[in-house]
């Protein structure tokens, strides 16, 4: 007779029960699961300064250990976070902020107004919305230990929105001596005041990041909403496990070794959905918008004809089919400001949206490339291999550029390597680059001001460094316009100008489901462009 493992276990239990006859009965409390969660994030955390870079991982890290003056709620309205009271002058040019009680740095010292002013000054130097705001800031005086002001040269209705945004870099507060670090230099001390503490002694780049609950954090009294409201921490520890291989990460989730997988490839979602206990959910309803960034500083893409050749060569449908796969999750889009958003206009996008047959587009691209004077010199394309969407997209883009005559040279590395190299403004042969690919959240992309990538301020702009005075003038018009229709009208002109100038080349829009152990965790807040761990509870 064949004996099953179940029968063996049953027999063992029965024997143990018989052996216990006459012995005192001892009750044992059922062991509670540890109040911790393990996440597989989209990539490695190799930059610990959420202001120095716009890398998503650094933004997630910043949201864990730092706090913000304001935060966007679930309805995308700015709400006070570290601020307790706000007064706005009748001419709307002076904002006075008073910090709420109980704010402490992780070293036990009190958060002061001086810290906040220093943090604002550092943030605005690296952020598009911050730069646009501070072009109108005449002073940021400290009134007392808990009070400071922002004084404007003219009213600016987006001030609170800029301070509250979820897109990178978030306007996080740091200690004044840390915030005094040059914004183009990474900080070396990591002391926050947020709901979690970063455990630096357990930090292993490429492997592991650990956060523990900040027992001294005083949450607001309101319910959590977006990155606003009461950030109540219900977990003692959150661990990030860096697992580059998608199949390995998916297997770890199904086996219960990890609890949350941020970016599972679309083609393995059916397997995850069918697995017991796993929940698949889209947090960011506007999804992500892909963009090929062209380096405007160096040949060949300092020439408009070469940029137009690249624009004609790139086919959104081919890219999305390779990178996402399932049409239920992606769409082609001719807007710089996220399709399906209030500013999702597509004026001027005909050249991008495949109105002509591909053979005709490629022929015209070759003509433009010749007109540009391109000499066949290799163009360096930065290639992140450890994030599925990025890896697949760059492989397709490289092939599409080759088909029209570009001599493509892939510079392959992990995403951390791309993040480091993309900041180099030197010529490609001196450590710089010609092309890289990234994506931004649809929520931040929808604003011409909030997303730094929309700026066209030359060497002060985001990576690629486009420079166009008309684009900057229209961004300002948009920010100062009153009402949705007026802003949309500006966005229509702006989108066409950015398309004609080839500010960058959009590669389509898609939503990315997350997968997590719904049989263990609950309480996730659907925040665009961030993975919050406050409000999350482990219940089994």
Protein backbone atom coordinates (compact mmCIF):
# COMPACT_ATOMS: atom_id res chain seq x y z
CA UNK A 1 0.00 0.00 0.00
CA UNK A 2 1.30 3.40 -0.96
CA UNK A 3 1.71 5.76 2.02
CA UNK A 4 1.06 9.46 1.40
CA UNK A 5 2.83 12.35 3.12
CA UNK A 6 -0.54 13.33 4.59
CA UNK A 7 -0.92 9.88 6.21
CA UNK A 8 2.58 10.02 7.64
CA UNK A 9 1.89 13.43 9.14
CA UNK A 10 -1.45 12.21 10.54
CA UNK A 11 0.19 9.16 12.08
CA UNK A 12 2.86 11.31 13.63
CA UNK A 13 0.27 13.57 15.19
CA UNK A 14 -1.70 10.59 16.51
CA UNK A 15 1.41 9.05 18.08
CA UNK A 16 2.25 12.35 19.70
CA UNK A 17 -1.28 12.56 21.08
CA UNK A 18 -1.09 9.03 22.56
CA UNK A 19 2.29 9.79 24.05
CA UNK A 20 0.79 12.79 25.75
CA UNK A 21 -1.89 10.81 27.69
CA UNK A 22 -1.52 11.50 31.36
CA UNK A 23 0.83 14.42 30.77
CA UNK A 24 -0.26 17.95 31.66
CA UNK A 25 -1.90 19.80 28.74
CA UNK A 26 0.09 22.85 27.71
CA UNK A 27 -1.51 25.46 25.49
CA UNK A 28 0.64 27.42 23.10
CA UNK A 29 -0.40 30.73 21.64
CA UNK A 30 -0.46 30.72 17.88
CA UNK A 31 2.60 32.54 16.64
CA UNK A 32 1.68 35.83 15.01
CA UNK A 33 3.24 36.64 11.63
CA UNK A 34 5.99 39.25 11.79
CA UNK A 35 4.70 42.77 11.13
CA UNK A 36 6.89 43.18 8.10
CA UNK A 37 6.64 43.13 4.32
CA UNK A 38 9.09 42.39 1.53
CA UNK A 39 8.94 44.18 -1.83
CA UNK A 40 10.66 43.52 -5.15
CA UNK A 41 11.03 47.05 -6.57
CA UNK A 42 11.56 47.93 -10.22
CA UNK A 43 15.31 48.32 -9.80
CA UNK A 44 18.21 48.86 -7.48
CA UNK A 45 18.46 51.75 -5.05
CA UNK A 46 21.93 53.03 -5.87
CA UNK A 47 21.24 56.74 -5.24
CA UNK A 48 20.17 57.81 -1.74
CA UNK A 49 19.56 61.46 -2.59
CA UNK A 50 15.94 62.03 -3.77
CA UNK A 51 16.75 65.59 -4.85
CA UNK A 52 19.92 64.90 -6.85
CA UNK A 53 18.10 62.53 -9.24
CA UNK A 54 14.63 61.95 -10.68
CA UNK A 55 15.13 58.16 -10.50
CA UNK A 56 11.93 56.49 -9.27
CA UNK A 57 13.77 54.34 -6.76
CA UNK A 58 15.27 57.41 -5.10
CA UNK A 59 11.78 58.98 -4.99
CA UNK A 60 10.35 55.88 -3.29
CA UNK A 61 13.22 56.00 -0.81
CA UNK A 62 12.54 59.68 -0.19
CA UNK A 63 8.84 59.10 0.49
CA UNK A 64 9.70 56.41 3.05
CA UNK A 65 12.13 58.34 5.23
CA UNK A 66 11.41 62.03 4.59
CA UNK A 67 8.25 64.09 4.82
CA UNK A 68 6.83 66.96 2.77
CA UNK A 69 5.30 70.32 3.65
CA UNK A 70 2.21 69.50 1.59
CA UNK A 71 0.93 66.38 -0.14
CA UNK A 72 -1.46 65.60 -2.97
CA UNK A 73 -4.56 63.77 -1.80
CA UNK A 74 -6.52 61.11 -3.70
CA UNK A 75 -8.34 63.85 -5.64
CA UNK A 76 -5.02 65.50 -6.64
CA UNK A 77 -5.60 68.49 -4.35
CA UNK A 78 -2.74 69.84 -2.21
CA UNK A 79 -3.22 69.33 1.52
CA UNK A 80 -0.99 70.36 4.45
CA UNK A 81 1.37 67.66 5.72
CA UNK A 82 4.21 69.04 7.87
CA UNK A 83 2.53 72.45 7.81
CA UNK A 84 -0.05 73.15 10.52
CA UNK A 85 -1.24 76.60 9.47
CA UNK A 86 -1.02 78.62 6.25
CA UNK A 87 -1.76 82.32 5.84
CA UNK A 88 -1.93 83.96 2.42
CA UNK A 89 -1.76 87.75 2.10
CA UNK A 90 -4.61 89.60 0.42
CA UNK A 91 -2.41 90.34 -2.63
CA UNK A 92 -1.54 86.60 -2.74
CA UNK A 93 2.18 87.35 -2.88
CA UNK A 94 3.17 86.30 0.65
CA UNK A 95 2.59 82.79 2.04
CA UNK A 96 3.27 82.25 5.74
CA UNK A 97 3.71 78.65 6.91
CA UNK A 98 3.74 77.42 10.51
CA UNK A 99 4.93 73.86 11.16
CA UNK A 100 2.66 71.54 13.11
CA UNK A 101 3.72 70.27 16.57
CA UNK A 102 5.65 67.03 17.13
CA UNK A 103 7.94 67.06 14.09
CA UNK A 104 11.30 65.44 14.86
CA UNK A 105 14.29 64.32 12.85
CA UNK A 106 15.31 60.70 13.20
CA UNK A 107 18.21 61.80 15.43
CA UNK A 108 15.70 63.22 17.94
CA UNK A 109 16.16 66.92 17.20
CA UNK A 110 13.23 69.17 16.31
CA UNK A 111 12.38 70.13 12.73
CA UNK A 112 12.75 73.89 12.30
CA UNK A 113 11.71 76.54 9.80
CA UNK A 114 15.40 76.99 8.96
CA UNK A 115 15.54 73.34 7.86
CA UNK A 116 12.52 73.81 5.61
CA UNK A 117 13.85 76.93 3.90
CA UNK A 118 17.21 75.25 3.21
CA UNK A 119 15.36 72.21 1.81
CA UNK A 120 13.15 74.35 -0.43
CA UNK A 121 16.20 76.13 -1.80
CA UNK A 122 17.96 72.87 -2.65
CA UNK A 123 14.85 71.25 -4.16
CA UNK A 124 14.00 74.16 -6.47
CA UNK A 125 17.41 74.01 -8.10
CA UNK A 126 16.71 70.48 -9.40
CA UNK A 127 12.95 70.45 -10.01
CA UNK A 128 11.05 71.87 -12.96
CA UNK A 129 8.06 73.03 -10.93
CA UNK A 130 10.42 74.42 -8.30
CA UNK A 131 12.42 76.38 -10.84
CA UNK A 132 9.25 77.81 -12.36
CA UNK A 133 7.98 78.80 -8.91
CA UNK A 134 11.27 80.27 -7.66
CA UNK A 135 11.62 82.46 -10.75
CA UNK A 136 8.91 84.46 -8.93
CA UNK A 137 10.24 84.09 -5.37
CA UNK A 138 11.92 87.20 -3.98
CA UNK A 139 12.58 85.96 -0.44
CA UNK A 140 12.13 83.00 1.94
CA UNK A 141 12.54 84.59 5.39
CA UNK A 142 12.57 82.58 8.62
CA UNK A 143 10.18 84.23 11.10
CA UNK A 144 10.85 82.00 14.12
CA UNK A 145 11.70 78.38 14.93
CA UNK A 146 8.43 77.10 13.49
CA UNK A 147 7.44 79.76 10.96
CA UNK A 148 8.75 80.85 7.55
CA UNK A 149 7.49 82.68 4.49
CA UNK A 150 7.62 82.48 0.72
CA UNK A 151 7.43 85.95 -0.80
CA UNK A 152 6.53 86.27 -4.50
CA UNK A 153 7.01 89.01 -7.06
CA UNK A 154 3.58 88.17 -8.51
CA UNK A 155 0.70 85.84 -7.57
CA UNK A 156 1.36 82.22 -8.55
CA UNK A 157 -1.60 79.86 -8.26
CA UNK A 158 0.47 76.65 -8.55
CA UNK A 159 2.61 77.27 -5.44
CA UNK A 160 0.95 74.68 -3.20
CA UNK A 161 0.64 72.20 -6.08
CA UNK A 162 4.39 72.43 -6.66
CA UNK A 163 5.17 71.74 -2.99
CA UNK A 164 2.69 68.84 -2.87
CA UNK A 165 3.41 66.95 -6.08
CA UNK A 166 4.17 63.21 -6.22
CA UNK A 167 6.46 63.37 -9.25
CA UNK A 168 10.22 63.27 -8.81
CA UNK A 169 11.92 65.00 -7.22
CA UNK A 170 9.43 65.29 -4.36
CA UNK A 171 9.81 68.40 -2.23
CA UNK A 172 11.15 66.50 0.79
CA UNK A 173 12.46 68.24 3.89
CA UNK A 174 16.02 67.64 5.14
CA UNK A 175 18.07 68.97 8.03
CA UNK A 176 19.53 72.37 7.16
CA UNK A 177 23.15 71.21 7.31
CA UNK A 178 22.35 68.36 4.90
CA UNK A 179 20.22 70.54 2.62
CA UNK A 180 23.21 72.91 2.38
CA UNK A 181 24.87 70.30 0.11
CA UNK A 182 25.26 71.54 -3.45
CA UNK A 183 22.20 70.19 -5.35
CA UNK A 184 24.51 68.78 -8.02
CA UNK A 185 26.36 66.75 -5.36
CA UNK A 186 24.81 63.78 -3.59
CA UNK A 187 24.21 64.04 0.14
CA UNK A 188 26.24 61.75 2.42
CA UNK A 189 24.10 61.90 5.58
CA UNK A 190 20.61 60.41 5.58
CA UNK A 191 18.44 61.75 8.40
CA UNK A 192 14.74 62.17 7.72
CA UNK A 193 11.63 62.94 9.74
CA UNK A 194 9.20 60.67 7.89
CA UNK A 195 7.20 57.62 8.91
CA UNK A 196 10.07 55.14 8.34
CA UNK A 197 13.75 55.14 9.28
CA UNK A 198 16.31 54.06 6.72
CA UNK A 199 18.54 51.40 8.34
CA UNK A 200 21.83 52.30 6.72
CA UNK A 201 23.76 49.51 8.47
CA UNK A 202 21.63 46.92 6.63
CA UNK A 203 21.76 48.63 3.22
CA UNK A 204 23.26 46.36 0.55
CA UNK A 205 23.27 47.99 -2.92
CA UNK A 206 22.12 45.49 -5.52
CA UNK A 207 20.59 43.24 -2.88
CA UNK A 208 18.66 44.70 0.04
CA UNK A 209 17.21 47.91 1.52
CA UNK A 210 15.64 47.98 4.99
CA UNK A 211 13.28 50.47 6.64
CA UNK A 212 11.87 50.34 10.17
CA UNK A 213 8.87 52.09 11.66
CA UNK A 214 9.69 55.50 13.11
CA UNK A 215 8.20 55.22 16.59
CA UNK A 216 8.54 58.99 17.10
CA UNK A 217 6.54 59.92 14.01
CA UNK A 218 3.34 61.83 14.79
CA UNK A 219 0.83 61.34 11.95
CA UNK A 220 -1.81 63.89 11.09
CA UNK A 221 -5.30 63.26 12.43
CA UNK A 222 -6.97 63.06 8.99
CA UNK A 223 -7.36 59.72 7.18
CA UNK A 224 -4.52 58.86 4.79
CA UNK A 225 -5.23 60.02 1.25
CA UNK A 226 -2.61 60.07 -1.49
CA UNK A 227 0.60 61.26 0.13
CA UNK A 228 -1.48 63.50 2.43
CA UNK A 229 -3.34 62.84 5.65
CA UNK A 230 -2.32 60.58 8.53
CA UNK A 231 0.64 58.39 7.57
CA UNK A 232 -0.03 55.67 10.14
CA UNK A 233 2.59 52.96 10.03
CA UNK A 234 1.18 49.49 10.75
CA UNK A 235 4.35 47.55 9.86
CA UNK A 236 7.50 47.29 11.95
CA UNK A 237 9.77 46.72 8.96
CA UNK A 238 9.71 46.96 5.16
CA UNK A 239 12.45 45.19 3.19
CA UNK A 240 13.24 45.73 -0.47
CA UNK A 241 14.69 42.64 -2.14
CA UNK A 242 16.47 43.54 -5.38
CA UNK A 243 15.68 40.69 -7.82
CA UNK A 244 16.45 41.68 -11.44
CA UNK A 245 15.20 38.45 -13.02
CA UNK A 246 11.42 38.59 -13.60
CA UNK A 247 10.81 34.83 -13.37
CA UNK A 248 12.77 34.62 -10.13
CA UNK A 249 10.80 37.51 -8.66
CA UNK A 250 7.46 36.01 -9.75
CA UNK A 251 8.40 32.64 -8.28
CA UNK A 252 9.38 34.29 -4.99
CA UNK A 253 5.98 36.01 -4.84
CA UNK A 254 4.06 32.80 -5.58
CA UNK A 255 6.12 30.92 -2.98
CA UNK A 256 5.39 33.56 -0.37
CA UNK A 257 9.04 34.57 0.00
CA UNK A 258 8.16 38.17 -0.93
CA UNK A 259 4.90 40.05 -0.57
CA UNK A 260 4.91 42.68 -3.34
CA UNK A 261 6.27 42.70 -6.91
CA UNK A 262 6.21 46.18 -8.39
CA UNK A 263 6.68 45.65 -12.13
CA UNK A 264 5.81 42.12 -13.21
CA UNK A 265 6.04 41.77 -17.01
CA UNK A 266 2.59 41.77 -18.60
CA UNK A 267 3.12 38.34 -20.16
CA UNK A 268 3.39 36.62 -16.76
CA UNK A 269 0.31 38.30 -15.27
CA UNK A 270 -2.00 35.37 -16.13
CA UNK A 271 0.21 33.06 -14.10
CA UNK A 272 0.27 35.45 -11.15
CA UNK A 273 -3.47 36.10 -11.33
CA UNK A 274 -4.17 32.36 -11.19
CA UNK A 275 -1.87 31.79 -8.21
CA UNK A 276 -3.65 31.40 -4.84
CA UNK A 277 -3.49 34.45 -2.60
CA UNK A 278 -2.05 36.86 -5.18
CA UNK A 279 -3.85 40.06 -6.13
CA UNK A 280 -3.04 42.01 -9.30
CA UNK A 281 -4.01 45.69 -9.25
CA UNK A 282 -3.32 48.92 -11.13
CA UNK A 283 -2.57 51.79 -8.74
CA UNK A 284 -1.70 54.46 -11.31
CA UNK A 285 -4.74 54.78 -13.57
CA UNK A 286 -3.08 57.20 -16.01
CA UNK A 287 -0.19 54.80 -16.30
CA UNK A 288 3.22 55.73 -17.67
CA UNK A 289 4.39 57.64 -20.73
CA UNK A 290 7.58 56.48 -22.47
CA UNK A 291 10.04 58.92 -23.98
CA UNK A 292 13.22 58.65 -26.02
CA UNK A 293 15.49 61.48 -24.89
CA UNK A 294 17.81 62.88 -27.55
CA UNK A 295 20.93 64.80 -26.54
CA UNK A 296 20.47 68.33 -27.92
CA UNK A 297 24.00 69.40 -26.95
CA UNK A 298 26.02 67.23 -29.35
CA UNK A 299 25.82 65.92 -32.94
CA UNK A 300 23.82 64.54 -34.50
CA UNK A 301 20.77 65.54 -32.43
CA UNK A 302 21.77 69.17 -31.98
CA UNK A 303 20.43 69.33 -35.54
CA UNK A 304 16.66 69.50 -36.05
CA UNK A 305 16.71 67.38 -39.21
CA UNK A 306 18.46 64.53 -37.36
CA UNK A 307 15.89 64.73 -34.56
CA UNK A 308 13.07 64.63 -37.10
CA UNK A 309 14.67 61.57 -38.71
CA UNK A 310 14.63 59.80 -35.35
CA UNK A 311 11.03 60.88 -34.78
CA UNK A 312 9.97 59.35 -38.09
CA UNK A 313 11.92 56.15 -37.45
CA UNK A 314 10.32 55.39 -34.08
CA UNK A 315 7.11 53.36 -34.23
CA UNK A 316 5.05 53.38 -31.02
CA UNK A 317 3.01 50.30 -31.87
CA UNK A 318 6.10 48.14 -32.44
CA UNK A 319 7.63 49.36 -29.19
CA UNK A 320 4.53 48.74 -27.09
CA UNK A 321 3.97 45.33 -28.62
CA UNK A 322 7.50 44.30 -27.63
CA UNK A 323 7.69 46.02 -24.25
CA UNK A 324 4.14 45.54 -22.93
CA UNK A 325 2.65 42.93 -25.25
CA UNK A 326 -1.01 42.95 -24.31
CA UNK A 327 -3.03 45.72 -26.08
CA UNK A 328 -5.39 45.77 -23.12
CA UNK A 329 -2.67 47.56 -21.16
CA UNK A 330 -1.21 50.00 -23.70
CA UNK A 331 -2.15 52.62 -26.26
CA UNK A 332 -0.36 54.80 -28.78
CA UNK A 333 -0.48 58.48 -27.84
CA UNK A 334 0.50 61.72 -29.55
CA UNK A 335 0.41 63.93 -26.46
CA UNK A 336 3.33 65.23 -24.45
CA UNK A 337 0.85 65.58 -21.57
CA UNK A 338 -0.61 62.07 -21.19
CA UNK A 339 -3.61 60.93 -23.17
CA UNK A 340 -6.85 60.68 -21.15
CA UNK A 341 -5.68 63.52 -18.89
CA UNK A 342 -7.23 67.00 -18.88
CA UNK A 343 -4.27 68.23 -20.98
CA UNK A 344 -4.11 65.16 -23.22
CA UNK A 345 -4.12 67.11 -26.50
CA UNK A 346 -2.51 65.63 -29.61
CA UNK A 347 -2.02 68.69 -31.81
CA UNK A 348 0.91 68.35 -34.20
CA UNK A 349 1.34 64.63 -33.57
CA UNK A 350 0.48 63.40 -37.07
CA UNK A 351 4.15 62.69 -37.84
CA UNK A 352 4.39 60.52 -34.73
CA UNK A 353 1.11 58.66 -35.05
CA UNK A 354 1.85 56.63 -38.21
CA UNK A 355 -0.45 58.42 -40.65
CA UNK A 356 1.90 57.40 -43.47
CA UNK A 357 3.11 53.84 -44.31
CA UNK A 358 6.29 52.86 -42.49
CA UNK A 359 8.30 52.48 -45.71
CA UNK A 360 7.41 56.06 -46.65
CA UNK A 361 8.34 57.33 -43.19
CA UNK A 362 11.69 55.55 -43.31
CA UNK A 363 12.48 56.93 -46.75
CA UNK A 364 11.78 60.47 -45.55
CA UNK A 365 13.85 59.82 -42.40
CA UNK A 366 16.85 58.85 -44.55
CA UNK A 367 16.47 62.07 -46.55
CA UNK A 368 16.38 64.15 -43.36
CA UNK A 369 19.37 62.32 -41.94
CA UNK A 370 21.35 63.14 -45.08
CA UNK A 371 20.22 66.79 -44.89
CA UNK A 372 21.47 66.96 -41.31
CA UNK A 373 25.03 66.20 -42.40
CA UNK A 374 25.22 63.06 -40.27
CA UNK A 375 28.61 61.46 -40.97
CA UNK A 376 27.92 57.91 -39.78
CA UNK A 377 29.66 58.39 -36.45
CA UNK A 378 28.34 55.94 -33.82
CA UNK A 379 25.51 57.24 -31.65
CA UNK A 380 25.66 55.98 -28.07
CA UNK A 381 22.31 54.61 -26.87
CA UNK A 382 22.13 53.94 -23.12
CA UNK A 383 20.54 50.54 -22.55
CA UNK A 384 19.13 49.47 -19.17
CA UNK A 385 19.00 45.67 -19.18
CA UNK A 386 17.49 44.98 -15.76
CA UNK A 387 14.01 46.52 -16.24
CA UNK A 388 11.86 44.63 -18.74
CA UNK A 389 10.07 47.61 -20.36
CA UNK A 390 13.32 49.53 -20.74
CA UNK A 391 15.30 46.60 -22.09
CA UNK A 392 12.71 45.70 -24.71
CA UNK A 393 12.05 49.30 -25.74
CA UNK A 394 15.69 50.15 -26.29
CA UNK A 395 16.27 47.03 -28.38
CA UNK A 396 13.38 48.03 -30.68
CA UNK A 397 14.40 51.70 -30.82
CA UNK A 398 17.98 50.74 -31.69
CA UNK A 399 16.77 48.60 -34.57
CA UNK A 400 14.40 51.31 -35.84
CA UNK A 401 17.20 53.89 -35.82
CA UNK A 402 19.54 51.52 -37.66
CA UNK A 403 16.92 50.99 -40.36
CA UNK A 404 17.05 54.67 -41.36
CA UNK A 405 20.84 54.94 -41.31
CA UNK A 406 21.98 55.69 -37.75
CA UNK A 407 25.09 53.81 -36.62
CA UNK A 408 23.86 52.64 -33.21
CA UNK A 409 26.19 51.61 -30.40
CA UNK A 410 24.45 50.19 -27.34
CA UNK A 411 25.97 51.04 -23.95
CA UNK A 412 24.42 48.31 -21.80
CA UNK A 413 24.25 48.42 -18.00
CA UNK A 414 21.70 48.22 -15.23
CA UNK A 415 19.34 51.17 -14.74
CA UNK A 416 21.60 52.59 -12.04
CA UNK A 417 24.39 52.87 -14.58
CA UNK A 418 22.10 54.71 -17.00
CA UNK A 419 21.02 57.11 -14.23
CA UNK A 420 24.63 57.98 -13.51
CA UNK A 421 25.74 58.38 -17.12
CA UNK A 422 22.72 60.34 -18.36
CA UNK A 423 23.79 63.28 -16.13
CA UNK A 424 27.07 63.64 -18.08
CA UNK A 425 26.93 66.61 -20.46
CA UNK A 426 30.22 65.73 -22.17
CA UNK A 427 30.41 64.41 -25.72
CA UNK A 428 29.65 60.68 -26.06
CA UNK A 429 33.31 59.78 -26.60
CA UNK A 430 34.08 61.54 -23.30
CA UNK A 431 31.58 59.59 -21.22
CA UNK A 432 28.38 61.23 -22.44
CA UNK A 433 25.63 59.80 -24.64
CA UNK A 434 23.29 60.50 -27.58
CA UNK A 435 20.06 58.65 -26.70
CA UNK A 436 18.45 57.14 -23.62
CA UNK A 437 14.97 55.89 -22.81
CA UNK A 438 12.86 56.39 -19.72
CA UNK A 439 9.22 56.73 -18.70
CA UNK A 440 7.30 59.08 -16.43
CA UNK A 441 4.03 58.74 -14.58
CA UNK A 442 0.98 59.96 -16.46
CA UNK A 443 -0.09 62.17 -13.59
CA UNK A 444 3.11 64.25 -13.59
CA UNK A 445 3.42 64.14 -17.39
CA UNK A 446 -0.04 65.72 -17.63
CA UNK A 447 1.32 68.99 -16.26
CA UNK A 448 3.59 71.13 -18.47
CA UNK A 449 5.13 72.51 -15.26
CA UNK A 450 5.38 69.63 -12.76
CA UNK A 451 7.39 67.32 -15.01
CA UNK A 452 10.96 68.63 -15.27
CA UNK A 453 11.37 66.73 -18.56
CA UNK A 454 9.07 69.29 -20.23
CA UNK A 455 11.49 72.15 -19.58
CA UNK A 456 13.42 73.58 -22.54
CA UNK A 457 16.02 75.67 -20.70
CA UNK A 458 19.18 74.25 -22.28
CA UNK A 459 21.86 73.07 -19.89
CA UNK A 460 19.55 73.87 -16.96
CA UNK A 461 16.85 71.55 -18.36
CA UNK A 462 16.42 67.83 -17.74
CA UNK A 463 18.67 65.23 -19.36
CA UNK A 464 18.79 65.84 -23.10
CA UNK A 465 18.98 69.58 -22.40
CA UNK A 466 16.57 70.95 -25.06
CA UNK A 467 16.50 74.73 -25.44
CA UNK A 468 13.52 76.56 -26.93
CA UNK A 469 12.30 80.00 -25.84
CA UNK A 470 8.82 79.49 -27.35
CA UNK A 471 8.27 76.34 -25.30
CA UNK A 472 9.28 78.16 -22.11
CA UNK A 473 7.02 81.10 -22.89
CA UNK A 474 4.03 78.79 -23.42
CA UNK A 475 4.78 76.83 -20.23
CA UNK A 476 4.58 80.13 -18.36
CA UNK A 477 1.35 81.05 -20.17
CA UNK A 478 -0.10 77.70 -19.12
CA UNK A 479 0.86 78.20 -15.47
CA UNK A 480 -0.68 81.66 -15.35
CA UNK A 481 -3.83 80.81 -17.35
CA UNK A 482 -7.11 80.83 -15.49
CA UNK A 483 -9.41 77.84 -15.87
CA UNK A 484 -9.29 74.47 -17.57
CA UNK A 485 -10.26 75.60 -21.07
CA UNK A 486 -7.69 78.40 -21.14
CA UNK A 487 -4.95 76.01 -20.06
CA UNK A 488 -6.03 73.40 -22.58
CA UNK A 489 -5.84 75.98 -25.38
CA UNK A 490 -2.25 76.77 -24.38
CA UNK A 491 -1.47 73.04 -24.17
CA UNK A 492 -2.62 72.59 -27.77
CA UNK A 493 -0.13 75.17 -29.04
CA UNK A 494 2.56 73.86 -26.72
CA UNK A 495 2.16 70.25 -27.83
CA UNK A 496 2.47 71.21 -31.49
CA UNK A 497 5.58 73.29 -30.83
CA UNK A 498 7.21 70.47 -28.86
CA UNK A 499 6.40 68.01 -31.66
CA UNK A 500 7.79 70.31 -34.36
CA UNK A 501 10.94 70.96 -32.33
CA UNK A 502 11.26 67.24 -31.43
CA UNK A 503 11.68 68.01 -27.74
CA UNK A 504 11.83 64.23 -27.26
CA UNK A 505 10.08 61.27 -28.93
CA UNK A 506 7.14 59.67 -27.14
CA UNK A 507 6.89 55.86 -27.33
CA UNK A 508 3.34 55.27 -26.09
CA UNK A 509 1.40 55.00 -22.85
CA UNK A 510 0.56 51.98 -20.71
CA UNK A 511 -0.69 50.97 -17.29
CA UNK A 512 1.41 48.70 -15.11
CA UNK A 513 -0.31 46.34 -12.68
CA UNK A 514 1.39 45.49 -9.39
CA UNK A 515 1.16 42.01 -7.90
CA UNK A 516 1.04 41.36 -4.16
CA UNK A 517 -0.02 38.84 -1.54
CA UNK A 518 -3.61 39.87 -0.95
CA UNK A 519 -3.89 37.03 1.53
CA UNK A 520 -1.40 38.86 3.80
CA UNK A 521 -1.47 42.58 3.05
CA UNK A 522 -4.19 45.19 2.78
CA UNK A 523 -4.52 48.95 2.85
CA UNK A 524 -2.47 50.04 -0.16
CA UNK A 525 -3.17 53.61 -1.25
CA UNK A 526 -3.37 54.09 -5.05
CA UNK A 527 -0.78 56.85 -5.32
CA UNK A 528 0.57 57.72 -8.78
CA UNK A 529 4.36 57.43 -9.10
CA UNK A 530 4.97 56.10 -5.63
CA UNK A 531 4.60 52.93 -3.56
CA UNK A 532 3.44 53.96 -0.09
CA UNK A 533 3.94 51.62 2.87
CA UNK A 534 2.07 53.65 5.46
CA UNK A 535 -1.53 52.49 5.98
CA UNK A 536 -0.52 48.97 4.85
CA UNK A 537 -1.33 46.20 7.30
CA UNK A 538 -0.13 42.63 7.50
CA UNK A 539 -3.09 40.63 8.76
CA UNK A 540 -2.00 37.02 8.15
